[in-house]
Amino acid sequence: MLWRTVKVLLPIFLVCNISCKAQPHLPPPLSADNFPANVGDFAFDPTIDDTNFVLGNPNIVFQYYNTRSYYLNNKRKIETYFKNNYHAPASASDQNGYLTIRFIININGKTGRFRLYELNADYQPHPFSKAISEQLLQLTKSIDGWEPAKYKEKLYDSYQYITFKLNKGAIVCITP
């Protein structure tokens, strides 16, 4: 009986042992070249970013939650702006989900390095129609009067984001 169990388990053990040794699944070593300074940071990309947008200190860009946020103090104004200027396309009945636009506000109150993140209603990556995503991006880019992050009387560059919840292409909610 013991021999029968060994005969059954021995081949399984050998296959597992050999396959584990033959295929190591180790990630590449981390270095300053392939690891951002902070989670969520994104680097300048000359193919999509404005070369005239300059950061005060590229090594210190605060996240939106590190300092008092301009957006939270002006949420009603921004919601009204999108309500008055965004027009859902007529053919958007299947355009449901979340579109987030992240960007940086520099120490001069200017914005740049815009990035879009698009998810369907099931939180799976899914691009919206260009009529929606490009319109929301252009409207976001045209907002002016941003206040730079301020900490201990010093100005800093900071990330900001706006998320649009969309139902049939229409804005249902804007967060944060």
C-alpha atoms as a PDB file:
ATOM      1  CA  MET A   1       0.000   0.000   0.000  1.00  0.00           C
ATOM      2  CA  LEU A   2       2.845   2.382   0.843  1.00  0.00           C
ATOM      3  CA  TRP A   3       4.623   1.456  -2.380  1.00  0.00           C
ATOM      4  CA  ARG A   4       1.468   2.246  -4.408  1.00  0.00           C
ATOM      5  CA  THR A   5       1.266   5.731  -2.818  1.00  0.00           C
ATOM      6  CA  VAL A   6       4.956   6.383  -3.505  1.00  0.00           C
ATOM      7  CA  LYS A   7       4.551   5.270  -7.146  1.00  0.00           C
ATOM      8  CA  VAL A   8       1.701   7.762  -7.588  1.00  0.00           C
ATOM      9  CA  LEU A   9       3.232  10.719  -5.744  1.00  0.00           C
ATOM     10  CA  LEU A  10       6.866  10.379  -6.857  1.00  0.00           C
ATOM     11  CA  PRO A  11       6.287  11.388 -10.519  1.00  0.00           C
ATOM     12  CA  ILE A  12       4.191  14.371  -9.420  1.00  0.00           C
ATOM     13  CA  PHE A  13       6.904  15.481  -6.993  1.00  0.00           C
ATOM     14  CA  LEU A  14       9.630  15.149  -9.640  1.00  0.00           C
ATOM     15  CA  VAL A  15       7.693  17.113 -12.267  1.00  0.00           C
ATOM     16  CA  CYS A  16       6.926  19.909  -9.806  1.00  0.00           C
ATOM     17  CA  ASN A  17      10.503  20.039  -8.556  1.00  0.00           C
ATOM     18  CA  ILE A  18      11.989  20.149 -12.063  1.00  0.00           C
ATOM     19  CA  SER A  19       9.521  22.706 -13.420  1.00  0.00           C
ATOM     20  CA  CYS A  20      10.035  25.009 -10.430  1.00  0.00           C
ATOM     21  CA  LYS A  21      13.793  24.984 -10.930  1.00  0.00           C
ATOM     22  CA  ALA A  22      13.569  25.416 -14.689  1.00  0.00           C
ATOM     23  CA  GLN A  23      11.350  28.520 -14.631  1.00  0.00           C
ATOM     24  CA  PRO A  24      12.263  31.024 -11.947  1.00  0.00           C
ATOM     25  CA  HIS A  25       9.686  33.804 -11.751  1.00  0.00           C
ATOM     26  CA  LEU A  26      11.749  36.609 -10.307  1.00  0.00           C
ATOM     27  CA  PRO A  27      10.975  40.245 -11.143  1.00  0.00           C
ATOM     28  CA  PRO A  28      13.787  42.382 -12.514  1.00  0.00           C
ATOM     29  CA  PRO A  29      15.844  44.123  -9.828  1.00  0.00           C
ATOM     30  CA  LEU A  30      14.612  47.575  -8.861  1.00  0.00           C
ATOM     31  CA  SER A  31      16.670  50.606  -9.686  1.00  0.00           C
ATOM     32  CA  ALA A  32      16.189  54.348  -9.915  1.00  0.00           C
ATOM     33  CA  ASP A  33      15.704  53.919 -13.681  1.00  0.00           C
ATOM     34  CA  ASN A  34      12.622  51.686 -13.486  1.00  0.00           C
ATOM     35  CA  PHE A  35      10.971  52.752 -10.227  1.00  0.00           C
ATOM     36  CA  PRO A  36       9.148  56.052  -9.627  1.00  0.00           C
ATOM     37  CA  ALA A  37      10.076  58.178  -6.640  1.00  0.00           C
ATOM     38  CA  ASN A  38       6.523  57.845  -5.347  1.00  0.00           C
ATOM     39  CA  VAL A  39       3.597  55.616  -6.211  1.00  0.00           C
ATOM     40  CA  GLY A  40       1.437  57.364  -8.786  1.00  0.00           C
ATOM     41  CA  ASP A  41       4.152  59.649 -10.156  1.00  0.00           C
ATOM     42  CA  PHE A  42       4.461  59.928 -13.901  1.00  0.00           C
ATOM     43  CA  ALA A  43       7.377  61.204 -15.909  1.00  0.00           C
ATOM     44  CA  PHE A  44       7.517  63.783 -18.666  1.00  0.00           C
ATOM     45  CA  ASP A  45       6.662  62.226 -22.046  1.00  0.00           C
ATOM     46  CA  PRO A  46       7.799  64.407 -24.982  1.00  0.00           C
ATOM     47  CA  THR A  47       5.305  62.725 -27.319  1.00  0.00           C
ATOM     48  CA  ILE A  48       2.247  63.970 -25.368  1.00  0.00           C
ATOM     49  CA  ASP A  49       3.402  66.633 -22.882  1.00  0.00           C
ATOM     50  CA  ASP A  50       3.851  70.352 -23.445  1.00  0.00           C
ATOM     51  CA  THR A  51       7.582  71.104 -23.451  1.00  0.00           C
ATOM     52  CA  ASN A  52       6.846  74.619 -22.127  1.00  0.00           C
ATOM     53  CA  PHE A  53       5.293  73.249 -18.919  1.00  0.00           C
ATOM     54  CA  VAL A  54       8.026  73.478 -16.276  1.00  0.00           C
ATOM     55  CA  LEU A  55       8.045  72.163 -12.721  1.00  0.00           C
ATOM     56  CA  GLY A  56       9.488  74.160  -9.844  1.00  0.00           C
ATOM     57  CA  ASN A  57      11.254  71.063  -8.520  1.00  0.00           C
ATOM     58  CA  PRO A  58      10.830  67.833 -10.528  1.00  0.00           C
ATOM     59  CA  ASN A  59      12.072  65.799  -7.555  1.00  0.00           C
ATOM     60  CA  ILE A  60       9.284  66.963  -5.222  1.00  0.00           C
ATOM     61  CA  VAL A  61       5.749  66.822  -6.601  1.00  0.00           C
ATOM     62  CA  PHE A  62       3.158  66.502  -3.843  1.00  0.00           C
ATOM     63  CA  GLN A  63       0.204  64.186  -4.232  1.00  0.00           C
ATOM     64  CA  TYR A  64      -3.217  65.871  -4.164  1.00  0.00           C
ATOM     65  CA  TYR A  65      -3.828  64.735  -0.577  1.00  0.00           C
ATOM     66  CA  ASN A  66      -0.572  66.160   0.849  1.00  0.00           C
ATOM     67  CA  THR A  67      -1.737  69.765   1.002  1.00  0.00           C
ATOM     68  CA  ARG A  68      -4.889  71.837   1.006  1.00  0.00           C
ATOM     69  CA  SER A  69      -6.557  71.186  -2.317  1.00  0.00           C
ATOM     70  CA  TYR A  70      -7.726  73.931  -4.650  1.00  0.00           C
ATOM     71  CA  TYR A  71     -10.363  71.636  -6.081  1.00  0.00           C
ATOM     72  CA  LEU A  72     -12.221  70.974  -2.842  1.00  0.00           C
ATOM     73  CA  ASN A  73     -12.630  74.690  -2.158  1.00  0.00           C
ATOM     74  CA  ASN A  74     -13.934  75.294  -5.679  1.00  0.00           C
ATOM     75  CA  LYS A  75     -15.885  72.106  -6.391  1.00  0.00           C
ATOM     76  CA  ARG A  76     -19.211  73.836  -7.083  1.00  0.00           C
ATOM     77  CA  LYS A  77     -17.545  76.230  -9.533  1.00  0.00           C
ATOM     78  CA  ILE A  78     -15.883  73.335 -11.399  1.00  0.00           C
ATOM     79  CA  GLU A  79     -19.097  71.270 -11.472  1.00  0.00           C
ATOM     80  CA  THR A  80     -20.976  74.260 -12.915  1.00  0.00           C
ATOM     81  CA  TYR A  81     -18.234  74.776 -15.498  1.00  0.00           C
ATOM     82  CA  PHE A  82     -18.542  71.192 -16.789  1.00  0.00           C
ATOM     83  CA  LYS A  83     -22.339  71.247 -16.615  1.00  0.00           C
ATOM     84  CA  ASN A  84     -22.421  74.372 -18.796  1.00  0.00           C
ATOM     85  CA  ASN A  85     -19.694  73.343 -21.256  1.00  0.00           C
ATOM     86  CA  TYR A  86     -19.784  69.551 -21.679  1.00  0.00           C
ATOM     87  CA  HIS A  87     -22.215  68.080 -24.190  1.00  0.00           C
ATOM     88  CA  ALA A  88     -22.716  64.311 -24.282  1.00  0.00           C
ATOM     89  CA  PRO A  89     -22.675  62.925 -27.824  1.00  0.00           C
ATOM     90  CA  ALA A  90     -26.028  61.625 -29.104  1.00  0.00           C
ATOM     91  CA  SER A  91     -24.522  58.213 -29.862  1.00  0.00           C
ATOM     92  CA  ALA A  92     -23.240  57.556 -26.316  1.00  0.00           C
ATOM     93  CA  SER A  93     -25.816  55.059 -25.029  1.00  0.00           C
ATOM     94  CA  ASP A  94     -23.071  52.495 -24.297  1.00  0.00           C
ATOM     95  CA  GLN A  95     -20.628  54.958 -22.724  1.00  0.00           C
ATOM     96  CA  ASN A  96     -20.809  54.112 -19.007  1.00  0.00           C
ATOM     97  CA  GLY A  97     -18.076  54.136 -16.395  1.00  0.00           C
ATOM     98  CA  TYR A  98     -15.374  56.371 -14.985  1.00  0.00           C
ATOM     99  CA  LEU A  99     -12.977  58.731 -16.738  1.00  0.00           C
ATOM    100  CA  THR A 100     -10.203  60.171 -14.581  1.00  0.00           C
ATOM    101  CA  ILE A 101      -7.921  62.976 -15.709  1.00  0.00           C
ATOM    102  CA  ARG A 102      -4.720  63.357 -13.668  1.00  0.00           C
ATOM    103  CA  PHE A 103      -2.395  66.291 -14.084  1.00  0.00           C
ATOM    104  CA  ILE A 104       0.155  68.436 -12.302  1.00  0.00           C
ATOM    105  CA  ILE A 105      -0.318  71.989 -11.038  1.00  0.00           C
ATOM    106  CA  ASN A 106       3.071  73.695 -10.996  1.00  0.00           C
ATOM    107  CA  ILE A 107       4.257  76.389  -8.567  1.00  0.00           C
ATOM    108  CA  ASN A 108       2.953  79.065 -10.984  1.00  0.00           C
ATOM    109  CA  GLY A 109      -0.596  77.653 -10.982  1.00  0.00           C
ATOM    110  CA  LYS A 110      -0.264  76.295 -14.536  1.00  0.00           C
ATOM    111  CA  THR A 111      -1.306  72.754 -15.444  1.00  0.00           C
ATOM    112  CA  GLY A 112       0.351  70.080 -17.542  1.00  0.00           C
ATOM    113  CA  ARG A 113       1.215  66.386 -17.943  1.00  0.00           C
ATOM    114  CA  PHE A 114      -2.398  65.320 -18.385  1.00  0.00           C
ATOM    115  CA  ARG A 115      -3.139  61.581 -18.233  1.00  0.00           C
ATOM    116  CA  LEU A 116      -6.446  59.801 -18.869  1.00  0.00           C
ATOM    117  CA  TYR A 117      -7.568  56.636 -17.083  1.00  0.00           C
ATOM    118  CA  GLU A 118     -10.763  55.104 -18.420  1.00  0.00           C
ATOM    119  CA  LEU A 119     -12.792  52.302 -16.809  1.00  0.00           C
ATOM    120  CA  ASN A 120     -16.134  50.774 -17.659  1.00  0.00           C
ATOM    121  CA  ALA A 121     -18.888  50.385 -15.048  1.00  0.00           C
ATOM    122  CA  ASP A 122     -17.270  47.098 -13.930  1.00  0.00           C
ATOM    123  CA  TYR A 123     -13.956  48.925 -13.231  1.00  0.00           C
ATOM    124  CA  GLN A 124     -12.218  47.270 -16.171  1.00  0.00           C
ATOM    125  CA  PRO A 125     -10.007  49.287 -18.545  1.00  0.00           C
ATOM    126  CA  HIS A 126     -12.180  50.460 -21.411  1.00  0.00           C
ATOM    127  CA  PRO A 127     -11.671  53.512 -23.638  1.00  0.00           C
ATOM    128  CA  PHE A 128     -14.520  55.953 -24.049  1.00  0.00           C
ATOM    129  CA  SER A 129     -15.376  57.410 -27.438  1.00  0.00           C
ATOM    130  CA  LYS A 130     -13.006  60.168 -28.526  1.00  0.00           C
ATOM    131  CA  ALA A 131     -15.975  62.565 -28.607  1.00  0.00           C
ATOM    132  CA  ILE A 132     -16.212  62.160 -24.825  1.00  0.00           C
ATOM    133  CA  SER A 133     -12.593  61.749 -23.714  1.00  0.00           C
ATOM    134  CA  GLU A 134     -11.156  64.514 -25.911  1.00  0.00           C
ATOM    135  CA  GLN A 135     -13.933  66.944 -24.963  1.00  0.00           C
ATOM    136  CA  LEU A 136     -13.432  66.351 -21.217  1.00  0.00           C
ATOM    137  CA  LEU A 137      -9.654  66.605 -21.599  1.00  0.00           C
ATOM    138  CA  GLN A 138      -9.868  69.905 -23.513  1.00  0.00           C
ATOM    139  CA  LEU A 139     -12.321  71.357 -20.995  1.00  0.00           C
ATOM    140  CA  THR A 140     -10.051  70.327 -18.108  1.00  0.00           C
ATOM    141  CA  LYS A 141      -7.017  71.842 -19.827  1.00  0.00           C
ATOM    142  CA  SER A 142      -8.850  75.138 -20.296  1.00  0.00           C
ATOM    143  CA  ILE A 143      -9.642  75.619 -16.585  1.00  0.00           C
ATOM    144  CA  ASP A 144      -7.430  78.372 -15.237  1.00  0.00           C
ATOM    145  CA  GLY A 145      -6.871  79.938 -11.845  1.00  0.00           C
ATOM    146  CA  TRP A 146      -5.418  76.848 -10.178  1.00  0.00           C
ATOM    147  CA  GLU A 147      -3.616  77.505  -6.916  1.00  0.00           C
ATOM    148  CA  PRO A 148      -0.288  75.752  -6.343  1.00  0.00           C
ATOM    149  CA  ALA A 149       0.212  73.600  -3.270  1.00  0.00           C
ATOM    150  CA  LYS A 150       1.490  75.527  -0.279  1.00  0.00           C
ATOM    151  CA  TYR A 151       3.264  74.072   2.722  1.00  0.00           C
ATOM    152  CA  LYS A 152       4.956  76.137   5.449  1.00  0.00           C
ATOM    153  CA  GLU A 153       4.699  79.248   3.264  1.00  0.00           C
ATOM    154  CA  LYS A 154       6.523  77.571   0.360  1.00  0.00           C
ATOM    155  CA  LEU A 155       4.932  76.711  -3.005  1.00  0.00           C
ATOM    156  CA  TYR A 156       5.156  73.206  -4.476  1.00  0.00           C
ATOM    157  CA  ASP A 157       4.125  71.395  -7.624  1.00  0.00           C
ATOM    158  CA  SER A 158       1.313  68.925  -6.989  1.00  0.00           C
ATOM    159  CA  TYR A 159      -0.775  66.259  -8.669  1.00  0.00           C
ATOM    160  CA  GLN A 160      -4.504  66.776  -9.035  1.00  0.00           C
ATOM    161  CA  TYR A 161      -7.249  64.674 -10.546  1.00  0.00           C
ATOM    162  CA  ILE A 162     -10.849  64.933 -11.622  1.00  0.00           C
ATOM    163  CA  THR A 163     -12.993  61.813 -12.049  1.00  0.00           C
ATOM    164  CA  PHE A 164     -16.184  61.851 -14.071  1.00  0.00           C
ATOM    165  CA  LYS A 165     -18.797  59.171 -13.534  1.00  0.00           C
ATOM    166  CA  LEU A 166     -20.564  58.770 -16.870  1.00  0.00           C
ATOM    167  CA  ASN A 167     -23.901  57.172 -17.705  1.00  0.00           C
ATOM    168  CA  LYS A 168     -24.797  57.014 -21.414  1.00  0.00           C
ATOM    169  CA  GLY A 169     -22.104  59.640 -21.967  1.00  0.00           C
ATOM    170  CA  ALA A 170     -23.668  62.132 -19.537  1.00  0.00           C
ATOM    171  CA  ILE A 171     -21.824  63.298 -16.428  1.00  0.00           C
ATOM    172  CA  VAL A 172     -23.569  61.865 -13.368  1.00  0.00           C
ATOM    173  CA  CYS A 173     -20.996  62.863 -10.763  1.00  0.00           C
ATOM    174  CA  ILE A 174     -17.639  64.633 -10.511  1.00  0.00           C
ATOM    175  CA  THR A 175     -15.170  63.711  -7.778  1.00  0.00           C
ATOM    176  CA  PRO A 176     -13.233  64.218  -5.581  1.00  0.00           C
END
